[in-house]
Amino acid sequence: MTRTLALICMCILPIGVTVSTGAYAAEVVGNLTDRKGGGAKGARVTVTCDGFEDSVFVSAVNGQYRVKNVPDNAACVLVIQYDGAYSAPHNFTTTTEKTRYNRRIRRVGNSVEYL
């Protein structure tokens, strides 16, 4: 009985690990820079998809950002906030690895535009 229970546990454990790590295996990464090519200081990236939402600030030095634990193979929307303005939503589908989104941005009126 103990041997049978141990074999069942050994078979179920890998399935549980695969399911729990596979659901949130994606990352959204990139660089946001200003007109001069420096990091877009104060910019924030928000990724929303299938009940998931996370916002991260952009590195002022080089403009890098990383949103972790995003659902994989999900329809998502990315919005950039910069200097009190917002970009138009960018629709994309994540992969099981990294989705890259790089842009040079500037504020024009009440919106963020891409250069």
PDB file of N, CA and C in Angstrom:
ATOM      1  N   MET A   1       0.818  -1.189   0.000  1.00  0.00           N
ATOM      2  CA  MET A   1       0.000   0.000   0.000  1.00  0.00           C
ATOM      3  C   MET A   1       0.870   1.264   0.000  1.00  0.00           C
ATOM      4  N   THR A   2       1.919   1.283   0.833  1.00  0.00           N
ATOM      5  CA  THR A   2       2.796   2.447   0.917  1.00  0.00           C
ATOM      6  C   THR A   2       3.536   2.658  -0.397  1.00  0.00           C
ATOM      7  N   ARG A   3       3.982   1.546  -1.002  1.00  0.00           N
ATOM      8  CA  ARG A   3       4.694   1.636  -2.273  1.00  0.00           C
ATOM      9  C   ARG A   3       3.774   2.189  -3.362  1.00  0.00           C
ATOM     10  N   THR A   4       2.516   1.754  -3.409  1.00  0.00           N
ATOM     11  CA  THR A   4       1.552   2.243  -4.392  1.00  0.00           C
ATOM     12  C   THR A   4       1.283   3.732  -4.187  1.00  0.00           C
ATOM     13  N   LEU A   5       1.120   4.162  -2.956  1.00  0.00           N
ATOM     14  CA  LEU A   5       0.887   5.570  -2.649  1.00  0.00           C
ATOM     15  C   LEU A   5       2.087   6.425  -3.062  1.00  0.00           C
ATOM     16  N   ALA A   6       3.285   5.937  -2.821  1.00  0.00           N
ATOM     17  CA  ALA A   6       4.494   6.666  -3.212  1.00  0.00           C
ATOM     18  C   ALA A   6       4.569   6.815  -4.731  1.00  0.00           C
ATOM     19  N   LEU A   7       4.225   5.764  -5.468  1.00  0.00           N
ATOM     20  CA  LEU A   7       4.239   5.829  -6.934  1.00  0.00           C
ATOM     21  C   LEU A   7       3.203   6.828  -7.456  1.00  0.00           C
ATOM     22  N   ILE A   8       2.027   6.859  -6.848  1.00  0.00           N
ATOM     23  CA  ILE A   8       0.991   7.810  -7.262  1.00  0.00           C
ATOM     24  C   ILE A   8       1.467   9.233  -7.020  1.00  0.00           C
ATOM     25  N   CYS A   9       2.053   9.485  -5.851  1.00  0.00           N
ATOM     26  CA  CYS A   9       2.550  10.834  -5.536  1.00  0.00           C
ATOM     27  C   CYS A   9       3.644  11.258  -6.509  1.00  0.00           C
ATOM     28  N   MET A  10       4.529  10.322  -6.869  1.00  0.00           N
ATOM     29  CA  MET A  10       5.616  10.650  -7.798  1.00  0.00           C
ATOM     30  C   MET A  10       5.073  10.998  -9.178  1.00  0.00           C
ATOM     31  N   CYS A  11       3.958  10.399  -9.561  1.00  0.00           N
ATOM     32  CA  CYS A  11       3.366  10.681 -10.869  1.00  0.00           C
ATOM     33  C   CYS A  11       2.583  11.992 -10.867  1.00  0.00           C
ATOM     34  N   ILE A  12       1.903  12.302  -9.774  1.00  0.00           N
ATOM     35  CA  ILE A  12       1.080  13.512  -9.700  1.00  0.00           C
ATOM     36  C   ILE A  12       1.928  14.764  -9.523  1.00  0.00           C
ATOM     37  N   LEU A  13       2.992  14.702  -8.756  1.00  0.00           N
ATOM     38  CA  LEU A  13       3.816  15.871  -8.464  1.00  0.00           C
ATOM     39  C   LEU A  13       4.327  16.571  -9.718  1.00  0.00           C
ATOM     40  N   PRO A  14       4.916  15.881 -10.697  1.00  0.00           N
ATOM     41  CA  PRO A  14       5.374  16.596 -11.894  1.00  0.00           C
ATOM     42  C   PRO A  14       4.238  17.271 -12.664  1.00  0.00           C
ATOM     43  N   ILE A  15       3.047  16.691 -12.658  1.00  0.00           N
ATOM     44  CA  ILE A  15       1.917  17.301 -13.347  1.00  0.00           C
ATOM     45  C   ILE A  15       1.544  18.602 -12.667  1.00  0.00           C
ATOM     46  N   GLY A  16       1.475  18.627 -11.348  1.00  0.00           N
ATOM     47  CA  GLY A  16       1.145  19.840 -10.605  1.00  0.00           C
ATOM     48  C   GLY A  16       2.160  20.943 -10.824  1.00  0.00           C
ATOM     49  N   VAL A  17       3.435  20.595 -10.871  1.00  0.00           N
ATOM     50  CA  VAL A  17       4.471  21.596 -11.105  1.00  0.00           C
ATOM     51  C   VAL A  17       4.346  22.175 -12.496  1.00  0.00           C
ATOM     52  N   THR A  18       4.070  21.341 -13.477  1.00  0.00           N
ATOM     53  CA  THR A  18       3.933  21.823 -14.844  1.00  0.00           C
ATOM     54  C   THR A  18       2.754  22.778 -14.973  1.00  0.00           C
ATOM     55  N   VAL A  19       1.634  22.451 -14.365  1.00  0.00           N
ATOM     56  CA  VAL A  19       0.453  23.291 -14.461  1.00  0.00           C
ATOM     57  C   VAL A  19       0.694  24.625 -13.771  1.00  0.00           C
ATOM     58  N   SER A  20       1.292  24.623 -12.570  1.00  0.00           N
ATOM     59  CA  SER A  20       1.441  25.863 -11.824  1.00  0.00           C
ATOM     60  C   SER A  20       2.474  26.796 -12.452  1.00  0.00           C
ATOM     61  N   THR A  21       3.538  26.279 -13.020  1.00  0.00           N
ATOM     62  CA  THR A  21       4.527  27.164 -13.621  1.00  0.00           C
ATOM     63  C   THR A  21       4.187  27.516 -15.061  1.00  0.00           C
ATOM     64  N   GLY A  22       3.398  26.686 -15.738  1.00  0.00           N
ATOM     65  CA  GLY A  22       3.074  26.949 -17.128  1.00  0.00           C
ATOM     66  C   GLY A  22       2.065  28.062 -17.323  1.00  0.00           C
ATOM     67  N   ALA A  23       1.230  28.318 -16.331  1.00  0.00           N
ATOM     68  CA  ALA A  23       0.188  29.319 -16.466  1.00  0.00           C
ATOM     69  C   ALA A  23       0.733  30.742 -16.481  1.00  0.00           C
ATOM     70  N   TYR A  24       1.868  30.972 -15.839  1.00  0.00           N
ATOM     71  CA  TYR A  24       2.449  32.307 -15.761  1.00  0.00           C
ATOM     72  C   TYR A  24       3.938  32.240 -16.076  1.00  0.00           C
ATOM     73  N   ALA A  25       4.259  31.847 -17.302  1.00  0.00           N
ATOM     74  CA  ALA A  25       5.649  31.662 -17.670  1.00  0.00           C
ATOM     75  C   ALA A  25       6.190  32.791 -18.536  1.00  0.00           C
ATOM     76  N   ALA A  26       5.346  33.723 -18.922  1.00  0.00           N
ATOM     77  CA  ALA A  26       5.774  34.747 -19.875  1.00  0.00           C
ATOM     78  C   ALA A  26       6.318  35.992 -19.166  1.00  0.00           C
ATOM     79  N   GLU A  27       7.099  36.767 -19.934  1.00  0.00           N
ATOM     80  CA  GLU A  27       7.594  38.063 -19.484  1.00  0.00           C
ATOM     81  C   GLU A  27       7.427  39.055 -20.622  1.00  0.00           C
ATOM     82  N   VAL A  28       7.172  40.306 -20.273  1.00  0.00           N
ATOM     83  CA  VAL A  28       7.162  41.388 -21.252  1.00  0.00           C
ATOM     84  C   VAL A  28       8.331  42.283 -20.883  1.00  0.00           C
ATOM     85  N   VAL A  29       9.260  42.451 -21.832  1.00  0.00           N
ATOM     86  CA  VAL A  29      10.476  43.227 -21.567  1.00  0.00           C
ATOM     87  C   VAL A  29      10.698  44.223 -22.689  1.00  0.00           C
ATOM     88  N   GLY A  30      11.515  45.236 -22.405  1.00  0.00           N
ATOM     89  CA  GLY A  30      11.850  46.173 -23.460  1.00  0.00           C
ATOM     90  C   GLY A  30      12.583  47.388 -22.937  1.00  0.00           C
ATOM     91  N   ASN A  31      12.728  48.360 -23.819  1.00  0.00           N
ATOM     92  CA  ASN A  31      13.371  49.632 -23.510  1.00  0.00           C
ATOM     93  C   ASN A  31      12.474  50.759 -23.987  1.00  0.00           C
ATOM     94  N   LEU A  32      12.293  51.756 -23.136  1.00  0.00           N
ATOM     95  CA  LEU A  32      11.586  52.977 -23.508  1.00  0.00           C
ATOM     96  C   LEU A  32      12.574  54.120 -23.357  1.00  0.00           C
ATOM     97  N   THR A  33      12.796  54.837 -24.435  1.00  0.00           N
ATOM     98  CA  THR A  33      13.738  55.943 -24.401  1.00  0.00           C
ATOM     99  C   THR A  33      13.054  57.234 -24.809  1.00  0.00           C
ATOM    100  N   ASP A  34      13.659  58.355 -24.413  1.00  0.00           N
ATOM    101  CA  ASP A  34      13.106  59.664 -24.755  1.00  0.00           C
ATOM    102  C   ASP A  34      13.682  60.143 -26.087  1.00  0.00           C
ATOM    103  N   ARG A  35      13.401  61.382 -26.429  1.00  0.00           N
ATOM    104  CA  ARG A  35      13.863  61.938 -27.718  1.00  0.00           C
ATOM    105  C   ARG A  35      15.365  61.866 -27.897  1.00  0.00           C
ATOM    106  N   LYS A  36      16.097  62.011 -26.803  1.00  0.00           N
ATOM    107  CA  LYS A  36      17.565  62.034 -26.864  1.00  0.00           C
ATOM    108  C   LYS A  36      18.181  60.638 -26.814  1.00  0.00           C
ATOM    109  N   GLY A  37      17.359  59.624 -26.613  1.00  0.00           N
ATOM    110  CA  GLY A  37      17.869  58.256 -26.576  1.00  0.00           C
ATOM    111  C   GLY A  37      18.177  57.757 -25.180  1.00  0.00           C
ATOM    112  N   GLY A  38      17.959  58.588 -24.155  1.00  0.00           N
ATOM    113  CA  GLY A  38      18.159  58.150 -22.776  1.00  0.00           C
ATOM    114  C   GLY A  38      16.922  57.459 -22.256  1.00  0.00           C
ATOM    115  N   GLY A  39      17.051  56.855 -21.090  1.00  0.00           N
ATOM    116  CA  GLY A  39      15.904  56.198 -20.469  1.00  0.00           C
ATOM    117  C   GLY A  39      14.779  57.184 -20.226  1.00  0.00           C
ATOM    118  N   ALA A  40      13.568  56.795 -20.510  1.00  0.00           N
ATOM    119  CA  ALA A  40      12.394  57.655 -20.343  1.00  0.00           C
ATOM    120  C   ALA A  40      12.072  57.735 -18.847  1.00  0.00           C
ATOM    121  N   LYS A  41      12.745  58.642 -18.164  1.00  0.00           N
ATOM    122  CA  LYS A  41      12.643  58.781 -16.711  1.00  0.00           C
ATOM    123  C   LYS A  41      11.196  59.010 -16.281  1.00  0.00           C
ATOM    124  N   GLY A  42      10.760  58.206 -15.312  1.00  0.00           N
ATOM    125  CA  GLY A  42       9.406  58.338 -14.779  1.00  0.00           C
ATOM    126  C   GLY A  42       8.344  57.588 -15.554  1.00  0.00           C
ATOM    127  N   ALA A  43       8.698  56.984 -16.682  1.00  0.00           N
ATOM    128  CA  ALA A  43       7.705  56.235 -17.466  1.00  0.00           C
ATOM    129  C   ALA A  43       7.299  54.964 -16.719  1.00  0.00           C
ATOM    130  N   ARG A  44       6.063  54.576 -16.942  1.00  0.00           N
ATOM    131  CA  ARG A  44       5.539  53.358 -16.327  1.00  0.00           C
ATOM    132  C   ARG A  44       4.831  52.540 -17.396  1.00  0.00           C
ATOM    133  N   VAL A  45       5.049  51.241 -17.374  1.00  0.00           N
ATOM    134  CA  VAL A  45       4.422  50.313 -18.311  1.00  0.00           C
ATOM    135  C   VAL A  45       3.398  49.478 -17.547  1.00  0.00           C
ATOM    136  N   THR A  46       2.175  49.419 -18.083  1.00  0.00           N
ATOM    137  CA  THR A  46       1.128  48.587 -17.484  1.00  0.00           C
ATOM    138  C   THR A  46       0.713  47.531 -18.499  1.00  0.00           C
ATOM    139  N   VAL A  47       0.743  46.275 -18.062  1.00  0.00           N
ATOM    140  CA  VAL A  47       0.319  45.153 -18.900  1.00  0.00           C
ATOM    141  C   VAL A  47      -0.917  44.540 -18.259  1.00  0.00           C
ATOM    142  N   THR A  48      -1.973  44.389 -19.071  1.00  0.00           N
ATOM    143  CA  THR A  48      -3.235  43.810 -18.609  1.00  0.00           C
ATOM    144  C   THR A  48      -3.620  42.683 -19.561  1.00  0.00           C
ATOM    145  N   CYS A  49      -3.950  41.512 -19.001  1.00  0.00           N
ATOM    146  CA  CYS A  49      -4.413  40.405 -19.838  1.00  0.00           C
ATOM    147  C   CYS A  49      -5.108  39.345 -18.988  1.00  0.00           C
ATOM    148  N   ASP A  50      -6.259  38.929 -19.452  1.00  0.00           N
ATOM    149  CA  ASP A  50      -6.989  37.798 -18.862  1.00  0.00           C
ATOM    150  C   ASP A  50      -6.994  37.818 -17.332  1.00  0.00           C
ATOM    151  N   GLY A  51      -7.392  38.928 -16.712  1.00  0.00           N
ATOM    152  CA  GLY A  51      -7.453  39.015 -15.258  1.00  0.00           C
ATOM    153  C   GLY A  51      -6.141  39.370 -14.587  1.00  0.00           C
ATOM    154  N   PHE A  52      -5.079  39.494 -15.343  1.00  0.00           N
ATOM    155  CA  PHE A  52      -3.762  39.859 -14.819  1.00  0.00           C
ATOM    156  C   PHE A  52      -3.506  41.332 -15.100  1.00  0.00           C
ATOM    157  N   GLU A  53      -2.942  42.044 -14.137  1.00  0.00           N
ATOM    158  CA  GLU A  53      -2.504  43.419 -14.380  1.00  0.00           C
ATOM    159  C   GLU A  53      -1.298  43.712 -13.508  1.00  0.00           C
ATOM    160  N   ASP A  54      -0.275  44.315 -14.112  1.00  0.00           N
ATOM    161  CA  ASP A  54       0.907  44.710 -13.364  1.00  0.00           C
ATOM    162  C   ASP A  54       1.505  45.950 -14.014  1.00  0.00           C
ATOM    163  N   SER A  55       2.021  46.842 -13.176  1.00  0.00           N
ATOM    164  CA  SER A  55       2.685  48.063 -13.639  1.00  0.00           C
ATOM    165  C   SER A  55       4.102  48.085 -13.101  1.00  0.00           C
ATOM    166  N   VAL A  56       5.033  48.483 -13.948  1.00  0.00           N
ATOM    167  CA  VAL A  56       6.430  48.622 -13.526  1.00  0.00           C
ATOM    168  C   VAL A  56       6.963  49.949 -14.027  1.00  0.00           C
ATOM    169  N   PHE A  57       7.900  50.505 -13.274  1.00  0.00           N
ATOM    170  CA  PHE A  57       8.564  51.729 -13.709  1.00  0.00           C
ATOM    171  C   PHE A  57       9.747  51.385 -14.587  1.00  0.00           C
ATOM    172  N   VAL A  58      10.060  52.307 -15.478  1.00  0.00           N
ATOM    173  CA  VAL A  58      11.166  52.148 -16.410  1.00  0.00           C
ATOM    174  C   VAL A  58      12.442  52.667 -15.741  1.00  0.00           C
ATOM    175  N   SER A  59      13.542  51.978 -15.957  1.00  0.00           N
ATOM    176  CA  SER A  59      14.824  52.429 -15.432  1.00  0.00           C
ATOM    177  C   SER A  59      15.192  53.764 -16.067  1.00  0.00           C
ATOM    178  N   ALA A  60      15.480  54.770 -15.239  1.00  0.00           N
ATOM    179  CA  ALA A  60      15.828  56.102 -15.758  1.00  0.00           C
ATOM    180  C   ALA A  60      17.171  56.089 -16.481  1.00  0.00           C
ATOM    181  N   VAL A  61      18.022  55.148 -16.155  1.00  0.00           N
ATOM    182  CA  VAL A  61      19.358  55.108 -16.746  1.00  0.00           C
ATOM    183  C   VAL A  61      19.315  54.630 -18.196  1.00  0.00           C
ATOM    184  N   ASN A  62      18.707  53.475 -18.431  1.00  0.00           N
ATOM    185  CA  ASN A  62      18.737  52.903 -19.779  1.00  0.00           C
ATOM    186  C   ASN A  62      17.357  52.621 -20.371  1.00  0.00           C
ATOM    187  N   GLY A  63      16.306  52.875 -19.611  1.00  0.00           N
ATOM    188  CA  GLY A  63      14.957  52.694 -20.136  1.00  0.00           C
ATOM    189  C   GLY A  63      14.427  51.278 -20.089  1.00  0.00           C
ATOM    190  N   GLN A  64      15.133  50.361 -19.445  1.00  0.00           N
ATOM    191  CA  GLN A  64      14.683  48.970 -19.412  1.00  0.00           C
ATOM    192  C   GLN A  64      13.513  48.775 -18.455  1.00  0.00           C
ATOM    193  N   TYR A  65      12.666  47.827 -18.818  1.00  0.00           N
ATOM    194  CA  TYR A  65      11.580  47.402 -17.931  1.00  0.00           C
ATOM    195  C   TYR A  65      11.342  45.923 -18.113  1.00  0.00           C
ATOM    196  N   ARG A  66      10.713  45.309 -17.115  1.00  0.00           N
ATOM    197  CA  ARG A  66      10.400  43.879 -17.172  1.00  0.00           C
ATOM    198  C   ARG A  66       9.140  43.629 -16.350  1.00  0.00           C
ATOM    199  N   VAL A  67       8.141  43.041 -16.986  1.00  0.00           N
ATOM    200  CA  VAL A  67       6.921  42.622 -16.300  1.00  0.00           C
ATOM    201  C   VAL A  67       6.973  41.104 -16.248  1.00  0.00           C
ATOM    202  N   LYS A  68       7.005  40.556 -15.047  1.00  0.00           N
ATOM    203  CA  LYS A  68       7.160  39.115 -14.852  1.00  0.00           C
ATOM    204  C   LYS A  68       5.821  38.449 -14.570  1.00  0.00           C
ATOM    205  N   ASN A  69       5.830  37.139 -14.718  1.00  0.00           N
ATOM    206  CA  ASN A  69       4.684  36.282 -14.375  1.00  0.00           C
ATOM    207  C   ASN A  69       3.404  36.637 -15.127  1.00  0.00           C
ATOM    208  N   VAL A  70       3.558  37.007 -16.375  1.00  0.00           N
ATOM    209  CA  VAL A  70       2.420  37.306 -17.242  1.00  0.00           C
ATOM    210  C   VAL A  70       1.875  35.974 -17.772  1.00  0.00           C
ATOM    211  N   PRO A  71       0.561  35.817 -17.869  1.00  0.00           N
ATOM    212  CA  PRO A  71       0.021  34.569 -18.420  1.00  0.00           C
ATOM    213  C   PRO A  71       0.558  34.318 -19.831  1.00  0.00           C
ATOM    214  N   ASP A  72       0.950  33.094 -20.108  1.00  0.00           N
ATOM    215  CA  ASP A  72       1.456  32.799 -21.446  1.00  0.00           C
ATOM    216  C   ASP A  72       0.311  32.529 -22.411  1.00  0.00           C
ATOM    217  N   ASN A  73       0.567  32.790 -23.677  1.00  0.00           N
ATOM    218  CA  ASN A  73      -0.421  32.613 -24.746  1.00  0.00           C
ATOM    219  C   ASN A  73      -1.731  33.339 -24.439  1.00  0.00           C
ATOM    220  N   ALA A  74      -1.609  34.575 -23.940  1.00  0.00           N
ATOM    221  CA  ALA A  74      -2.785  35.357 -23.559  1.00  0.00           C
ATOM    222  C   ALA A  74      -2.865  36.628 -24.405  1.00  0.00           C
ATOM    223  N   ALA A  75      -4.079  37.079 -24.660  1.00  0.00           N
ATOM    224  CA  ALA A  75      -4.301  38.359 -25.332  1.00  0.00           C
ATOM    225  C   ALA A  75      -4.112  39.459 -24.293  1.00  0.00           C
ATOM    226  N   CYS A  76      -3.203  40.390 -24.566  1.00  0.00           N
ATOM    227  CA  CYS A  76      -2.834  41.408 -23.586  1.00  0.00           C
ATOM    228  C   CYS A  76      -2.875  42.801 -24.203  1.00  0.00           C
ATOM    229  N   VAL A  77      -2.831  43.792 -23.312  1.00  0.00           N
ATOM    230  CA  VAL A  77      -2.775  45.194 -23.701  1.00  0.00           C
ATOM    231  C   VAL A  77      -1.655  45.844 -22.897  1.00  0.00           C
ATOM    232  N   LEU A  78      -0.829  46.637 -23.580  1.00  0.00           N
ATOM    233  CA  LEU A  78       0.243  47.376 -22.929  1.00  0.00           C
ATOM    234  C   LEU A  78      -0.023  48.867 -23.103  1.00  0.00           C
ATOM    235  N   VAL A  79       0.062  49.619 -21.987  1.00  0.00           N
ATOM    236  CA  VAL A  79      -0.125  51.072 -22.014  1.00  0.00           C
ATOM    237  C   VAL A  79       1.061  51.708 -21.314  1.00  0.00           C
ATOM    238  N   ILE A  80       1.557  52.794 -21.895  1.00  0.00           N
ATOM    239  CA  ILE A  80       2.682  53.525 -21.323  1.00  0.00           C
ATOM    240  C   ILE A  80       2.171  54.833 -20.736  1.00  0.00           C
ATOM    241  N   GLN A  81       2.571  55.104 -19.501  1.00  0.00           N
ATOM    242  CA  GLN A  81       2.289  56.394 -18.878  1.00  0.00           C
ATOM    243  C   GLN A  81       3.616  57.142 -18.791  1.00  0.00           C
ATOM    244  N   TYR A  82       3.616  58.386 -19.265  1.00  0.00           N
ATOM    245  CA  TYR A  82       4.856  59.166 -19.292  1.00  0.00           C
ATOM    246  C   TYR A  82       4.523  60.638 -19.119  1.00  0.00           C
ATOM    247  N   ASP A  83       5.099  61.236 -18.119  1.00  0.00           N
ATOM    248  CA  ASP A  83       4.941  62.672 -17.886  1.00  0.00           C
ATOM    249  C   ASP A  83       3.468  63.081 -17.807  1.00  0.00           C
ATOM    250  N   GLY A  84       2.650  62.253 -17.127  1.00  0.00           N
ATOM    251  CA  GLY A  84       1.237  62.570 -16.936  1.00  0.00           C
ATOM    252  C   GLY A  84       0.330  62.258 -18.109  1.00  0.00           C
ATOM    253  N   ALA A  85       0.851  61.657 -19.155  1.00  0.00           N
ATOM    254  CA  ALA A  85       0.053  61.318 -20.343  1.00  0.00           C
ATOM    255  C   ALA A  85       0.098  59.804 -20.578  1.00  0.00           C
ATOM    256  N   TYR A  86      -0.851  59.330 -21.401  1.00  0.00           N
ATOM    257  CA  TYR A  86      -0.946  57.892 -21.687  1.00  0.00           C
ATOM    258  C   TYR A  86      -0.837  57.626 -23.181  1.00  0.00           C
ATOM    259  N   SER A  87      -0.246  56.476 -23.496  1.00  0.00           N
ATOM    260  CA  SER A  87      -0.173  56.044 -24.893  1.00  0.00           C
ATOM    261  C   SER A  87      -1.475  55.371 -25.294  1.00  0.00           C
ATOM    262  N   ALA A  88      -1.653  55.203 -26.577  1.00  0.00           N
ATOM    263  CA  ALA A  88      -2.746  54.359 -27.067  1.00  0.00           C
ATOM    264  C   ALA A  88      -2.421  52.922 -26.658  1.00  0.00           C
ATOM    265  N   PRO A  89      -3.428  52.100 -26.398  1.00  0.00           N
ATOM    266  CA  PRO A  89      -3.164  50.713 -26.019  1.00  0.00           C
ATOM    267  C   PRO A  89      -2.512  49.932 -27.158  1.00  0.00           C
ATOM    268  N   HIS A  90      -1.550  49.100 -26.809  1.00  0.00           N
ATOM    269  CA  HIS A  90      -0.894  48.220 -27.771  1.00  0.00           C
ATOM    270  C   HIS A  90      -1.372  46.797 -27.474  1.00  0.00           C
ATOM    271  N   ASN A  91      -2.091  46.179 -28.409  1.00  0.00           N
ATOM    272  CA  ASN A  91      -2.600  44.816 -28.250  1.00  0.00           C
ATOM    273  C   ASN A  91      -1.568  43.818 -28.762  1.00  0.00           C
ATOM    274  N   PHE A  92      -1.371  42.742 -27.997  1.00  0.00           N
ATOM    275  CA  PHE A  92      -0.430  41.701 -28.405  1.00  0.00           C
ATOM    276  C   PHE A  92      -0.799  40.397 -27.712  1.00  0.00           C
ATOM    277  N   THR A  93      -0.202  39.313 -28.174  1.00  0.00           N
ATOM    278  CA  THR A  93      -0.381  38.004 -27.548  1.00  0.00           C
ATOM    279  C   THR A  93       0.966  37.550 -27.019  1.00  0.00           C
ATOM    280  N   THR A  94       0.991  37.118 -25.761  1.00  0.00           N
ATOM    281  CA  THR A  94       2.243  36.675 -25.169  1.00  0.00           C
ATOM    282  C   THR A  94       2.646  35.320 -25.732  1.00  0.00           C
ATOM    283  N   THR A  95       3.903  35.005 -25.547  1.00  0.00           N
ATOM    284  CA  THR A  95       4.427  33.692 -25.898  1.00  0.00           C
ATOM    285  C   THR A  95       4.788  32.988 -24.596  1.00  0.00           C
ATOM    286  N   THR A  96       5.379  31.835 -24.686  1.00  0.00           N
ATOM    287  CA  THR A  96       5.802  31.135 -23.481  1.00  0.00           C
ATOM    288  C   THR A  96       7.148  31.644 -22.993  1.00  0.00           C
ATOM    289  N   GLU A  97       7.726  32.595 -23.687  1.00  0.00           N
ATOM    290  CA  GLU A  97       9.011  33.145 -23.265  1.00  0.00           C
ATOM    291  C   GLU A  97       8.881  34.652 -23.075  1.00  0.00           C
ATOM    292  N   LYS A  98       9.730  35.435 -23.756  1.00  0.00           N
ATOM    293  CA  LYS A  98       9.715  36.892 -23.597  1.00  0.00           C
ATOM    294  C   LYS A  98       9.064  37.565 -24.791  1.00  0.00           C
ATOM    295  N   THR A  99       8.207  38.519 -24.490  1.00  0.00           N
ATOM    296  CA  THR A  99       7.639  39.379 -25.514  1.00  0.00           C
ATOM    297  C   THR A  99       8.357  40.710 -25.397  1.00  0.00           C
ATOM    298  N   ARG A 100       8.955  41.181 -26.484  1.00  0.00           N
ATOM    299  CA  ARG A 100       9.723  42.430 -26.453  1.00  0.00           C
ATOM    300  C   ARG A 100       8.913  43.574 -27.052  1.00  0.00           C
ATOM    301  N   TYR A 101       9.004  44.727 -26.366  1.00  0.00           N
ATOM    302  CA  TYR A 101       8.327  45.928 -26.853  1.00  0.00           C
ATOM    303  C   TYR A 101       9.233  47.121 -26.555  1.00  0.00           C
ATOM    304  N   ASN A 102       9.928  47.602 -27.573  1.00  0.00           N
ATOM    305  CA  ASN A 102      10.847  48.730 -27.455  1.00  0.00           C
ATOM    306  C   ASN A 102      10.275  49.923 -28.200  1.00  0.00           C
ATOM    307  N   ARG A 103      10.378  51.108 -27.598  1.00  0.00           N
ATOM    308  CA  ARG A 103       9.890  52.318 -28.258  1.00  0.00           C
ATOM    309  C   ARG A 103      10.673  53.535 -27.787  1.00  0.00           C
ATOM    310  N   ARG A 104      10.783  54.505 -28.679  1.00  0.00           N
ATOM    311  CA  ARG A 104      11.251  55.847 -28.331  1.00  0.00           C
ATOM    312  C   ARG A 104       9.992  56.692 -28.221  1.00  0.00           C
ATOM    313  N   ILE A 105       9.824  57.390 -27.100  1.00  0.00           N
ATOM    314  CA  ILE A 105       8.554  58.069 -26.831  1.00  0.00           C
ATOM    315  C   ILE A 105       8.756  59.548 -26.497  1.00  0.00           C
ATOM    316  N   ARG A 106       7.649  60.278 -26.603  1.00  0.00           N
ATOM    317  CA  ARG A 106       7.602  61.671 -26.170  1.00  0.00           C
ATOM    318  C   ARG A 106       6.159  62.012 -25.834  1.00  0.00           C
ATOM    319  N   ARG A 107       6.007  63.021 -24.977  1.00  0.00           N
ATOM    320  CA  ARG A 107       4.668  63.486 -24.645  1.00  0.00           C
ATOM    321  C   ARG A 107       4.293  64.595 -25.606  1.00  0.00           C
ATOM    322  N   VAL A 108       3.095  64.492 -26.165  1.00  0.00           N
ATOM    323  CA  VAL A 108       2.546  65.542 -27.037  1.00  0.00           C
ATOM    324  C   VAL A 108       1.124  65.792 -26.562  1.00  0.00           C
ATOM    325  N   GLY A 109       0.899  66.954 -25.967  1.00  0.00           N
ATOM    326  CA  GLY A 109      -0.422  67.247 -25.416  1.00  0.00           C
ATOM    327  C   GLY A 109      -0.758  66.296 -24.289  1.00  0.00           C
ATOM    328  N   ASN A 110      -1.876  65.615 -24.423  1.00  0.00           N
ATOM    329  CA  ASN A 110      -2.313  64.662 -23.394  1.00  0.00           C
ATOM    330  C   ASN A 110      -2.038  63.217 -23.764  1.00  0.00           C
ATOM    331  N   SER A 111      -1.138  62.984 -24.710  1.00  0.00           N
ATOM    332  CA  SER A 111      -0.874  61.610 -25.095  1.00  0.00           C
ATOM    333  C   SER A 111       0.634  61.361 -25.247  1.00  0.00           C
ATOM    334  N   VAL A 112       0.967  60.096 -25.231  1.00  0.00           N
ATOM    335  CA  VAL A 112       2.338  59.653 -25.474  1.00  0.00           C
ATOM    336  C   VAL A 112       2.405  59.187 -26.909  1.00  0.00           C
ATOM    337  N   GLU A 113       3.363  59.722 -27.643  1.00  0.00           N
ATOM    338  CA  GLU A 113       3.553  59.328 -29.047  1.00  0.00           C
ATOM    339  C   GLU A 113       4.869  58.607 -29.210  1.00  0.00           C
ATOM    340  N   TYR A 114       4.917  57.803 -30.267  1.00  0.00           N
ATOM    341  CA  TYR A 114       6.126  57.052 -30.596  1.00  0.00           C
ATOM    342  C   TYR A 114       6.901  57.813 -31.655  1.00  0.00           C
ATOM    343  N   LEU A 115       8.215  57.859 -31.503  1.00  0.00           N
ATOM    344  CA  LEU A 115       9.072  58.525 -32.492  1.00  0.00           C
ATOM    345  C   LEU A 115       9.611  57.514 -33.485  1.00  0.00           C
TER     346      LEU A 115
END
